[in-house]
Amino acid sequence: MKPNSAVDVVSARRGLLVGFMAGLGLAFNYGTTVTTAADGVLFVAVAVAIGYPVLTLCSLCTGLF
């Protein structure tokens, strides 16, 4: 059986999942870490910048196994 090592770099499903997780993180951290609108924007930007590549690597790894 040949492993599937082809993963789309841009995926709407993965983007929605990262956005959902960033929204949950924002909701749970509101009032402690996130106190202003600028904090919220920064939190979501960092969550997306870190989360999307991590989920892409996870998709690649699960495609290999």
C-alpha atoms as a PDB file:
ATOM      1  CA  MET A   1       0.000   0.000   0.000  1.00  0.00           C
ATOM      2  CA  LYS A   2       1.438   3.335  -1.056  1.00  0.00           C
ATOM      3  CA  PRO A   3       1.171   6.148   1.529  1.00  0.00           C
ATOM      4  CA  ASN A   4      -0.662   9.324   0.571  1.00  0.00           C
ATOM      5  CA  SER A   5       1.907  12.105   0.989  1.00  0.00           C
ATOM      6  CA  ALA A   6       0.036  14.758  -1.004  1.00  0.00           C
ATOM      7  CA  VAL A   7      -1.619  17.336   1.264  1.00  0.00           C
ATOM      8  CA  ASP A   8      -3.279  20.539   0.103  1.00  0.00           C
ATOM      9  CA  VAL A   9      -1.542  23.551   1.620  1.00  0.00           C
ATOM     10  CA  VAL A  10      -4.717  25.633   1.448  1.00  0.00           C
ATOM     11  CA  SER A  11      -7.787  23.922   2.851  1.00  0.00           C
ATOM     12  CA  ALA A  12     -11.088  25.574   3.721  1.00  0.00           C
ATOM     13  CA  ARG A  13     -11.882  22.826   6.231  1.00  0.00           C
ATOM     14  CA  ARG A  14      -8.585  23.333   8.029  1.00  0.00           C
ATOM     15  CA  GLY A  15      -9.072  27.100   7.996  1.00  0.00           C
ATOM     16  CA  LEU A  16     -12.516  26.787   9.554  1.00  0.00           C
ATOM     17  CA  LEU A  17     -11.152  24.433  12.206  1.00  0.00           C
ATOM     18  CA  VAL A  18      -8.355  26.852  13.103  1.00  0.00           C
ATOM     19  CA  GLY A  19     -10.812  29.740  13.191  1.00  0.00           C
ATOM     20  CA  PHE A  20     -13.138  27.761  15.471  1.00  0.00           C
ATOM     21  CA  MET A  21     -10.290  26.857  17.827  1.00  0.00           C
ATOM     22  CA  ALA A  22      -9.085  30.485  17.874  1.00  0.00           C
ATOM     23  CA  GLY A  23     -12.622  31.616  18.683  1.00  0.00           C
ATOM     24  CA  LEU A  24     -12.864  29.117  21.533  1.00  0.00           C
ATOM     25  CA  GLY A  25      -9.500  30.237  22.865  1.00  0.00           C
ATOM     26  CA  LEU A  26     -10.628  33.833  22.663  1.00  0.00           C
ATOM     27  CA  ALA A  27     -13.862  33.045  24.510  1.00  0.00           C
ATOM     28  CA  PHE A  28     -12.132  31.119  27.285  1.00  0.00           C
ATOM     29  CA  ASN A  29      -9.370  33.713  27.742  1.00  0.00           C
ATOM     30  CA  TYR A  30     -11.634  36.771  27.663  1.00  0.00           C
ATOM     31  CA  GLY A  31     -11.072  38.818  30.792  1.00  0.00           C
ATOM     32  CA  THR A  32      -7.738  37.272  31.775  1.00  0.00           C
ATOM     33  CA  THR A  33      -5.326  37.283  28.839  1.00  0.00           C
ATOM     34  CA  VAL A  34      -7.636  39.139  26.459  1.00  0.00           C
ATOM     35  CA  THR A  35      -8.873  42.411  27.930  1.00  0.00           C
ATOM     36  CA  THR A  36      -8.981  44.805  24.951  1.00  0.00           C
ATOM     37  CA  ALA A  37      -9.890  44.509  21.288  1.00  0.00           C
ATOM     38  CA  ALA A  38      -6.210  44.757  20.344  1.00  0.00           C
ATOM     39  CA  ASP A  39      -5.455  41.809  22.642  1.00  0.00           C
ATOM     40  CA  GLY A  40      -8.201  39.836  20.892  1.00  0.00           C
ATOM     41  CA  VAL A  41      -6.856  40.598  17.440  1.00  0.00           C
ATOM     42  CA  LEU A  42      -3.343  39.657  18.506  1.00  0.00           C
ATOM     43  CA  PHE A  43      -4.574  36.437  20.140  1.00  0.00           C
ATOM     44  CA  VAL A  44      -6.461  35.343  17.010  1.00  0.00           C
ATOM     45  CA  ALA A  45      -3.553  36.279  14.716  1.00  0.00           C
ATOM     46  CA  VAL A  46      -1.074  34.252  16.762  1.00  0.00           C
ATOM     47  CA  ALA A  47      -3.487  31.326  17.047  1.00  0.00           C
ATOM     48  CA  VAL A  48      -3.994  31.230  13.285  1.00  0.00           C
ATOM     49  CA  ALA A  49      -0.289  31.757  12.506  1.00  0.00           C
ATOM     50  CA  ILE A  50       0.675  28.835  14.740  1.00  0.00           C
ATOM     51  CA  GLY A  51      -2.397  26.626  14.399  1.00  0.00           C
ATOM     52  CA  TYR A  52      -2.689  26.419  10.617  1.00  0.00           C
ATOM     53  CA  PRO A  53       0.868  25.132   9.982  1.00  0.00           C
ATOM     54  CA  VAL A  54       0.538  22.686  12.885  1.00  0.00           C
ATOM     55  CA  LEU A  55      -2.689  21.268  11.480  1.00  0.00           C
ATOM     56  CA  THR A  56      -1.103  21.091   8.027  1.00  0.00           C
ATOM     57  CA  LEU A  57       1.776  19.057   9.450  1.00  0.00           C
ATOM     58  CA  CYS A  58      -0.711  16.824  11.278  1.00  0.00           C
ATOM     59  CA  SER A  59      -2.545  16.209   7.994  1.00  0.00           C
ATOM     60  CA  LEU A  60       0.725  15.343   6.313  1.00  0.00           C
ATOM     61  CA  CYS A  61       1.728  12.964   9.097  1.00  0.00           C
ATOM     62  CA  THR A  62      -1.637  11.176   9.149  1.00  0.00           C
ATOM     63  CA  GLY A  63      -1.453  10.832   5.366  1.00  0.00           C
ATOM     64  CA  LEU A  64       1.904   9.092   5.687  1.00  0.00           C
ATOM     65  CA  PHE A  65       0.680   6.501   8.158  1.00  0.00           C
END
